Protein backbone atom coordinates (compact mmCIF):
# COMPACT_ATOMS: atom_id res chain seq x y z
CA MET A 1 -6.94 18.89 19.94
CA LYS A 2 -7.34 22.18 18.07
CA THR A 3 -6.84 20.69 14.66
CA ASN A 4 -6.68 23.90 12.62
CA ALA A 5 -3.80 25.36 14.62
CA PHE A 6 -2.09 22.00 14.73
CA VAL A 7 -2.35 21.49 10.98
CA ARG A 8 -0.70 24.86 10.43
CA LYS A 9 2.26 23.68 12.50
CA LEU A 10 2.51 20.43 10.54
CA ALA A 11 2.50 22.44 7.32
CA SER A 12 4.94 25.08 8.55
CA ASN A 13 7.91 25.92 6.34
CA ASP A 14 10.08 25.75 9.47
CA ARG A 15 11.48 22.24 9.94
CA LYS A 16 11.78 22.43 13.74
CA THR A 17 8.15 23.50 14.02
CA ARG A 18 7.08 20.59 11.81
CA ASP A 19 9.20 18.11 13.77
CA ARG A 20 7.77 19.20 17.13
CA ALA A 21 4.24 19.04 15.76
CA PHE A 22 4.83 15.54 14.40
CA GLU A 23 6.17 14.30 17.75
CA THR A 24 3.14 15.77 19.52
CA LEU A 25 0.79 14.13 17.02
CA THR A 26 2.48 10.75 17.44
CA ARG A 27 1.96 10.89 21.21
CA TYR A 28 -1.64 12.02 20.76
CA LEU A 29 -2.52 9.23 18.34
CA SER A 30 -0.89 6.70 20.65
CA SER A 31 -3.41 7.64 23.33
CA LYS A 32 -6.42 5.51 22.45
CA SER A 33 -8.82 7.55 24.58
CA LYS A 34 -7.83 10.74 22.74
CA ALA A 35 -7.35 9.41 19.23
CA ASN A 36 -10.67 7.57 19.20
CA GLN A 37 -12.47 10.88 19.65
CA LEU A 38 -11.16 12.23 16.35
CA THR A 39 -13.69 12.32 13.53
CA LEU A 40 -12.99 11.43 9.90
CA PHE A 41 -13.01 15.13 9.04
CA GLU A 42 -10.46 15.90 11.77
CA LEU A 43 -8.24 13.05 10.62
CA GLN A 44 -8.46 14.34 7.06
CA LYS A 45 -7.28 17.74 8.25
CA LEU A 46 -4.41 16.14 10.14
CA TRP A 47 -3.39 14.16 7.06
CA LYS A 48 -3.45 17.32 4.99
CA GLY A 49 -1.00 18.81 7.47
CA LEU A 50 1.14 15.66 7.32
CA TYR A 51 0.96 15.74 3.53
CA TYR A 52 2.56 19.16 3.55
CA THR A 53 5.07 18.09 6.15
CA MET A 54 6.32 15.79 3.41
CA TRP A 55 5.93 18.53 0.81
CA PHE A 56 8.55 20.67 2.55
CA SER A 57 11.03 17.82 2.99
CA ASP A 58 13.60 18.35 0.27
CA ARG A 59 16.44 15.81 0.48
CA PRO A 60 16.21 12.06 -0.25
CA LEU A 61 17.38 10.68 3.12
CA PRO A 62 15.21 13.02 5.25
CA GLN A 63 12.30 12.20 2.93
CA LYS A 64 12.80 8.48 3.47
CA ARG A 65 13.05 8.88 7.25
CA LEU A 66 9.92 11.01 7.28
CA ALA A 67 8.02 8.52 5.10
CA LEU A 68 9.00 5.75 7.52
CA LYS A 69 7.84 7.76 10.53
CA MET A 70 4.58 8.78 8.91
CA SER A 71 3.75 5.27 7.72
CA SER A 72 4.55 3.80 11.14
CA LEU A 73 1.56 5.72 12.51
CA PHE A 74 -0.59 3.01 10.90
CA SER A 75 1.08 0.14 12.74
CA GLN A 76 2.48 1.67 15.92
CA SER A 77 0.23 4.55 16.94
CA ILE A 78 -3.35 4.43 15.71
CA SER A 79 -5.69 2.02 17.50
CA GLU A 80 -7.45 -0.83 15.73
CA ASP A 81 -10.75 0.97 16.35
CA GLN A 82 -9.59 3.96 14.30
CA PHE A 83 -7.44 2.09 11.79
CA ALA A 84 -9.93 2.00 8.89
CA VAL A 85 -10.89 5.65 9.40
CA PHE A 86 -7.22 6.62 9.49
CA VAL A 87 -6.67 4.74 6.21
CA THR A 88 -9.69 6.45 4.66
CA ALA A 89 -8.42 9.88 5.69
CA PHE A 90 -4.94 9.26 4.27
CA TRP A 91 -6.06 8.10 0.85
CA PHE A 92 -8.69 10.84 0.65
CA ILE A 93 -5.97 13.46 0.99
CA VAL A 94 -3.66 11.64 -1.42
CA ALA A 95 -6.39 11.59 -4.08
CA LYS A 96 -7.37 15.19 -3.45
CA GLU A 97 -3.85 16.61 -3.50
CA TRP A 98 -2.34 14.38 -6.19
CA PRO A 99 -3.12 16.70 -9.16
CA GLN A 100 -0.91 19.37 -7.56
CA VAL A 101 2.14 17.10 -7.20
CA ASP A 102 4.90 18.17 -9.56
CA LYS A 103 7.61 16.03 -11.14
CA TRP A 104 10.13 17.02 -8.46
CA ARG A 105 7.95 15.72 -5.63
CA ILE A 106 6.34 12.66 -7.16
CA ASP A 107 8.95 10.14 -6.00
CA LYS A 108 8.69 10.97 -2.31
CA TYR A 109 4.92 10.62 -2.34
CA LEU A 110 5.14 7.30 -4.16
CA LEU A 111 7.60 6.16 -1.49
CA LEU A 112 5.22 7.30 1.24
CA MET A 113 2.37 5.32 -0.37
CA ARG A 114 4.54 2.21 -0.57
CA TYR A 115 5.49 2.47 3.09
CA VAL A 116 1.86 3.05 4.10
CA ILE A 117 0.76 -0.10 2.25
CA ARG A 118 3.60 -1.95 3.99
CA GLU A 119 2.73 -0.74 7.48
CA CYS A 120 -0.94 -1.50 6.97
CA PHE A 121 0.06 -5.09 6.26
CA VAL A 122 2.14 -4.96 9.46
CA GLN A 123 -0.96 -3.89 11.39
CA LEU A 124 -3.06 -6.65 9.84
CA LYS A 125 -0.41 -9.26 10.51
CA ASN A 126 -0.02 -8.11 14.12
CA SER A 127 -3.75 -8.64 14.56
CA GLU A 128 -3.39 -12.12 13.00
CA PHE A 129 -5.53 -10.80 10.16
CA ASP A 130 -8.49 -10.13 12.41
CA GLU A 131 -11.61 -10.38 10.25
CA LYS A 132 -13.13 -7.10 11.40
CA LEU A 133 -9.87 -5.22 10.90
CA VAL A 134 -9.29 -6.71 7.45
CA ASN A 135 -12.86 -5.99 6.36
CA GLY A 136 -12.60 -2.39 7.55
CA TYR A 137 -9.30 -1.90 5.76
CA ILE A 138 -10.51 -3.38 2.48
CA SER A 139 -13.72 -1.35 2.61
CA ALA A 140 -11.68 1.82 3.14
CA LEU A 141 -9.76 1.09 -0.06
CA GLU A 142 -12.77 -0.07 -2.08
CA ASP A 143 -14.83 2.98 -1.16
CA GLY A 144 -11.93 5.37 -1.58
CA ILE A 145 -8.74 5.30 -3.60
CA LEU A 146 -9.58 2.03 -5.41
CA SER A 147 -13.09 3.07 -6.38
CA GLU A 148 -11.85 4.86 -9.49
CA THR A 149 -8.91 5.12 -11.84
CA SER A 150 -6.02 7.28 -10.67
CA ALA A 151 -2.23 7.28 -10.67
CA PRO A 152 -2.14 6.31 -6.96
CA ALA A 153 -4.48 3.39 -7.72
CA PHE A 154 -2.09 2.13 -10.41
CA HIS A 155 0.77 2.45 -7.95
CA ILE A 156 -1.07 0.39 -5.33
CA ILE A 157 -1.72 -2.33 -7.91
CA ASN A 158 1.96 -2.39 -8.87
CA ILE A 159 3.28 -2.76 -5.32
CA TRP A 160 0.52 -4.72 -3.56
CA LEU A 161 1.99 -8.22 -3.86
CA ASP A 162 5.54 -6.95 -3.32
CA GLU A 163 4.62 -5.49 0.05
CA LEU A 164 2.43 -8.42 1.07
CA GLU A 165 5.26 -10.82 0.25
CA ARG A 166 7.76 -8.69 2.15
CA GLU A 167 5.62 -8.65 5.28
CA LEU A 168 4.70 -12.33 5.21
CA PHE A 169 8.05 -13.77 4.22
CA GLY A 170 10.66 -11.07 4.79
CA ASP A 171 13.35 -9.89 2.40
CA GLU A 172 14.54 -13.04 0.67
CA ASP A 173 17.28 -11.27 -1.26
CA GLU A 174 19.32 -10.99 1.92
CA ASP A 175 18.90 -14.69 2.63
CA ASP A 176 19.96 -15.60 -0.90
CA GLU A 177 23.24 -13.74 -0.47
CA ASP A 178 24.10 -15.93 2.49
CA GLU A 179 23.66 -19.17 0.54
CA ASP A 180 26.74 -21.13 -0.54
CA GLU A 181 27.55 -20.07 -4.09
CA ASP A 182 28.84 -23.57 -4.83
CA GLU A 183 25.61 -25.31 -3.82
CA ASP A 184 24.56 -27.61 -6.65
CA GLU A 185 21.42 -27.27 -8.71
CA GLU A 186 19.72 -30.24 -7.09
CA GLU A 187 20.09 -28.70 -3.65
CA ASP A 188 18.80 -25.40 -5.01
CA ASP A 189 15.68 -27.09 -6.37
CA LYS A 190 15.11 -28.92 -3.10
CA ARG A 191 15.41 -25.74 -1.10
CA ASP A 192 13.10 -23.87 -3.47
CA LYS A 193 10.43 -26.55 -3.13
CA GLU A 194 10.71 -26.48 0.65
CA ASN A 195 10.35 -22.70 0.64
CA ILE A 196 7.28 -22.89 -1.57
CA GLU A 197 5.63 -25.41 0.75
CA LYS A 198 6.36 -23.20 3.75
CA LYS A 199 4.83 -20.24 1.95
CA LYS A 200 1.73 -22.23 1.06
CA GLU A 201 1.32 -23.10 4.72
CA VAL A 202 1.54 -19.43 5.71
CA ILE A 203 -0.81 -18.31 2.93
CA SER A 204 -3.40 -20.91 3.93
CA SER A 205 -4.05 -18.90 7.11
CA ILE A 206 -4.28 -15.56 5.30
CA PRO A 207 -7.53 -14.20 3.74
CA VAL A 208 -5.93 -13.76 0.33
CA ASP A 209 -9.24 -13.57 -1.53
CA LYS A 210 -10.31 -10.71 0.71
CA LEU A 211 -7.01 -8.90 0.17
CA LEU A 212 -7.48 -9.18 -3.59
CA GLU A 213 -11.16 -8.22 -3.51
CA PRO A 214 -10.74 -4.48 -4.30
CA PHE A 215 -8.78 -5.31 -7.43
CA VAL A 216 -11.26 -7.98 -8.53
CA LYS A 217 -14.08 -5.44 -8.28
CA LEU A 218 -12.05 -2.77 -10.04
CA TYR A 219 -11.17 -5.23 -12.80
CA GLU A 220 -14.80 -6.23 -13.28
CA ASN A 221 -16.19 -2.71 -13.24
CA THR A 222 -13.74 -0.77 -15.40
CA ASP A 223 -13.75 -0.46 -19.17
CA GLN A 224 -10.20 0.89 -19.28
CA LYS A 225 -7.92 -1.57 -21.03
CA GLY A 226 -4.78 -0.14 -19.45
CA LEU A 227 -6.12 -0.60 -15.94
CA ARG A 228 -7.36 -4.12 -16.63
CA LYS A 229 -4.01 -5.05 -18.17
CA THR A 230 -2.16 -3.71 -15.13
CA ILE A 231 -4.35 -5.68 -12.72
CA ARG A 232 -3.95 -8.87 -14.73
CA GLU A 233 -0.18 -8.64 -15.07
CA ASN A 234 0.62 -7.42 -11.55
CA LEU A 235 -1.89 -9.54 -9.65
CA PHE A 236 -3.91 -12.28 -11.34
CA GLU A 237 -1.08 -13.50 -13.58
CA ASP A 238 1.71 -13.00 -11.05
CA GLN A 239 3.59 -16.29 -10.63
CA ARG A 240 3.94 -15.75 -6.90
CA LEU A 241 0.23 -16.29 -6.32
CA ASN A 242 0.40 -19.54 -8.24
CA ASP A 243 3.44 -20.62 -6.20
CA TRP A 244 1.52 -19.84 -3.01
CA GLY A 245 -1.32 -22.10 -4.10
CA VAL A 246 -3.76 -19.29 -4.85
CA ASP A 247 -6.12 -20.08 -7.71
CA THR A 248 -6.46 -16.86 -9.69
CA SER A 249 -8.22 -18.50 -12.63
CA LYS A 250 -11.54 -17.79 -10.92
CA TYR A 251 -10.87 -14.07 -11.29
CA LEU A 252 -9.95 -14.37 -14.95
CA GLU A 253 -12.95 -16.61 -15.67
CA LYS A 254 -15.19 -13.66 -14.80
CA ASP A 255 -13.59 -11.69 -17.61
CA LYS A 256 -16.19 -11.46 -20.35
CA SER A 257 -13.69 -10.00 -22.80
CA PRO A 258 -10.47 -12.04 -22.62
CA VAL A 259 -7.39 -10.01 -23.38
CA SER A 260 -5.23 -11.29 -26.21
CA SER A 261 -1.77 -9.97 -26.94
CA GLU A 262 -3.28 -7.55 -29.45
CA SER A 263 -6.49 -6.57 -27.72
CA ALA A 264 -4.68 -6.13 -24.42
CA LYS A 265 -2.79 -3.17 -25.79
CA PRO A 266 -4.39 -0.10 -24.24
CA ASP A 267 -5.37 2.92 -26.22
CA ASP A 268 -2.81 5.71 -26.27
CA ASP A 269 -4.68 7.72 -23.67
CA GLU A 270 -4.96 4.67 -21.42
CA GLU A 271 -1.36 3.49 -21.64
CA TRP A 272 0.33 3.00 -18.28
CA ASN A 273 4.10 2.91 -18.16
CA GLY A 274 4.61 3.35 -14.43
CA PHE A 275 6.30 6.29 -12.78
CA GLY A 276 9.63 6.17 -14.55
CA SER A 277 12.57 3.87 -14.18
CA LYS A 278 13.44 4.71 -10.60
């Protein structure tokens, strides 16, 4: 594949040219013999082209469809052999290009990141959380986007458990709507307990500690109060982990400077309030 010419097509301001290039890339990546020959540098160039494919997508629904198609490359196209390298290339480009993202484009890139995290969990689940695949994936994050403080890193922290829960247990909101509204409280409690036990059984076969490892390291190695507070609140103190039978106290015990309600408040330049209310 002549990556330079191909990247120009992916980044074309003509939608039909971009669409044809994306379809060609999808077929190429689905061919293991071809895709496995691509180097990290070549994959980075391809992701830069894909990044600008998203850049030129202007309307919400097309943006969502494109984000779904791009993220599905992680679970439906790229081989397990190239999975970690593909992840590395994606987050490298996200980190490199993020400073140029303006307020009109931020939402679609946040959506793309969410879908990528989701589809990576799909890939891991499909492999039954193969140890080599999980280790490669976690290393790609630890050595890349989660090795330093950045807005994308905060976003990953905020959505990590949401997307893991979604992939492992599905969308429970839809199931709740189907429940009898007149069901009494006792039956509700019984059902909730049964669901929790089922989740514990599923979680027992998942390398949760490994999936939390990048955030544990980031938490231990950063001096930024805002980042530490975000990790604590969105991961270590999240009630879902406790419900799943995951002991997060071991992560907090390593904290040499416990965060009280006062000391937890980050400095003004470290405050993190998310990406808006959307």
